[in-house]
Protein backbone atom coordinates (compact mmCIF):
# COMPACT_ATOMS: atom_id res chain seq x y z
CA UNK A 1 -25.99 -14.17 5.65
CA UNK A 2 -24.57 -17.05 3.68
CA UNK A 3 -22.21 -16.08 0.83
CA UNK A 4 -21.52 -18.15 -2.28
CA UNK A 5 -17.97 -19.55 -1.93
CA UNK A 6 -16.89 -18.28 -5.35
CA UNK A 7 -18.02 -14.74 -4.46
CA UNK A 8 -16.67 -14.66 -0.90
CA UNK A 9 -13.52 -12.60 -1.60
CA UNK A 10 -15.45 -9.89 -3.46
CA UNK A 11 -18.16 -9.79 -0.78
CA UNK A 12 -15.61 -9.56 2.04
CA UNK A 13 -13.91 -6.61 0.36
CA UNK A 14 -17.25 -4.84 -0.07
CA UNK A 15 -17.98 -5.47 3.61
CA UNK A 16 -14.57 -4.14 4.64
CA UNK A 17 -15.12 -0.91 2.70
CA UNK A 18 -18.66 -0.63 4.04
CA UNK A 19 -17.52 -1.06 7.63
CA UNK A 20 -14.83 1.62 7.40
CA UNK A 21 -17.22 4.17 5.89
CA UNK A 22 -20.10 3.32 8.20
CA UNK A 23 -18.08 3.68 11.40
CA UNK A 24 -17.48 7.32 10.41
CA UNK A 25 -21.20 8.09 10.22
CA UNK A 26 -22.90 10.24 12.86
CA UNK A 27 -24.83 8.04 15.25
CA UNK A 28 -22.88 4.85 14.56
CA UNK A 29 -21.81 3.26 17.85
CA UNK A 30 -20.64 -0.09 16.46
CA UNK A 31 -20.56 -1.64 12.99
CA UNK A 32 -18.62 -4.83 12.26
CA UNK A 33 -18.89 -7.89 10.06
CA UNK A 34 -17.93 -11.25 11.58
CA UNK A 35 -17.02 -14.47 9.78
CA UNK A 36 -18.02 -17.81 11.33
CA UNK A 37 -14.91 -19.84 12.27
CA UNK A 38 -16.66 -23.10 11.37
CA UNK A 39 -18.23 -21.90 8.11
CA UNK A 40 -16.26 -19.14 6.38
CA UNK A 41 -19.20 -18.45 4.07
CA UNK A 42 -21.46 -17.47 6.99
CA UNK A 43 -21.17 -13.75 7.74
CA UNK A 44 -22.80 -11.84 10.57
CA UNK A 45 -23.10 -8.08 10.96
CA UNK A 46 -23.51 -6.45 14.33
CA UNK A 47 -24.41 -2.79 14.46
CA UNK A 48 -25.48 -0.30 17.10
CA UNK A 49 -26.90 3.14 16.46
CA UNK A 50 -27.81 6.05 18.68
CA UNK A 51 -31.34 6.07 17.27
CA UNK A 52 -33.57 5.09 14.37
CA UNK A 53 -32.88 8.33 12.52
CA UNK A 54 -29.14 7.54 12.38
CA UNK A 55 -29.88 4.05 11.10
CA UNK A 56 -32.26 5.42 8.46
CA UNK A 57 -29.66 7.96 7.33
CA UNK A 58 -27.16 5.07 7.01
CA UNK A 59 -29.51 3.27 4.63
CA UNK A 60 -29.34 6.22 2.24
CA UNK A 61 -25.55 6.71 2.11
CA UNK A 62 -23.48 6.37 -1.08
CA UNK A 63 -21.45 3.54 0.48
CA UNK A 64 -24.67 1.61 1.17
CA UNK A 65 -25.61 2.01 -2.50
CA UNK A 66 -22.19 0.61 -3.52
CA UNK A 67 -22.51 -2.26 -1.04
CA UNK A 68 -25.93 -3.16 -2.47
CA UNK A 69 -24.39 -3.45 -5.94
CA UNK A 70 -22.12 -6.29 -4.79
CA UNK A 71 -23.31 -8.18 -1.74
CA UNK A 72 -26.93 -9.15 -2.56
CA UNK A 73 -25.71 -11.02 -5.66
CA UNK A 74 -23.18 -12.90 -3.54
CA UNK A 75 -25.64 -14.03 -0.87
CA UNK A 76 -27.44 -17.37 -0.99
CA UNK A 77 -31.06 -17.17 0.12
CA UNK A 78 -32.61 -14.57 2.39
CA UNK A 79 -30.67 -12.96 5.21
CA UNK A 80 -32.04 -13.19 8.73
CA UNK A 81 -32.34 -9.87 10.55
CA UNK A 82 -32.97 -9.37 14.25
CA UNK A 83 -33.61 -5.82 15.42
CA UNK A 84 -33.75 -4.87 19.06
CA UNK A 85 -34.68 -1.49 20.46
CA UNK A 86 -33.32 -0.66 23.89
CA UNK A 87 -34.73 2.33 25.72
CA UNK A 88 -31.78 2.65 28.05
CA UNK A 89 -28.70 0.50 28.46
CA UNK A 90 -28.23 -1.01 31.89
């Protein structure tokens, strides 16, 4: 996602709080936000879940509701989402 420069600090704090809370959720294997070293306003999120049910439960958490109050207003344009389902890791 691309964040408006003037809203970057607020968005990063919301992401930090979101990451801490999310990593405590059942089924969360990995959840981190990454900032591009060439464009500090470009943010990537990488997440891994045990299954779709855990991901769906994550979407309905109070911390997701708080995150949605801040970050969508800070983002420029649509975010690009890639979702991969792996039946078994090699």
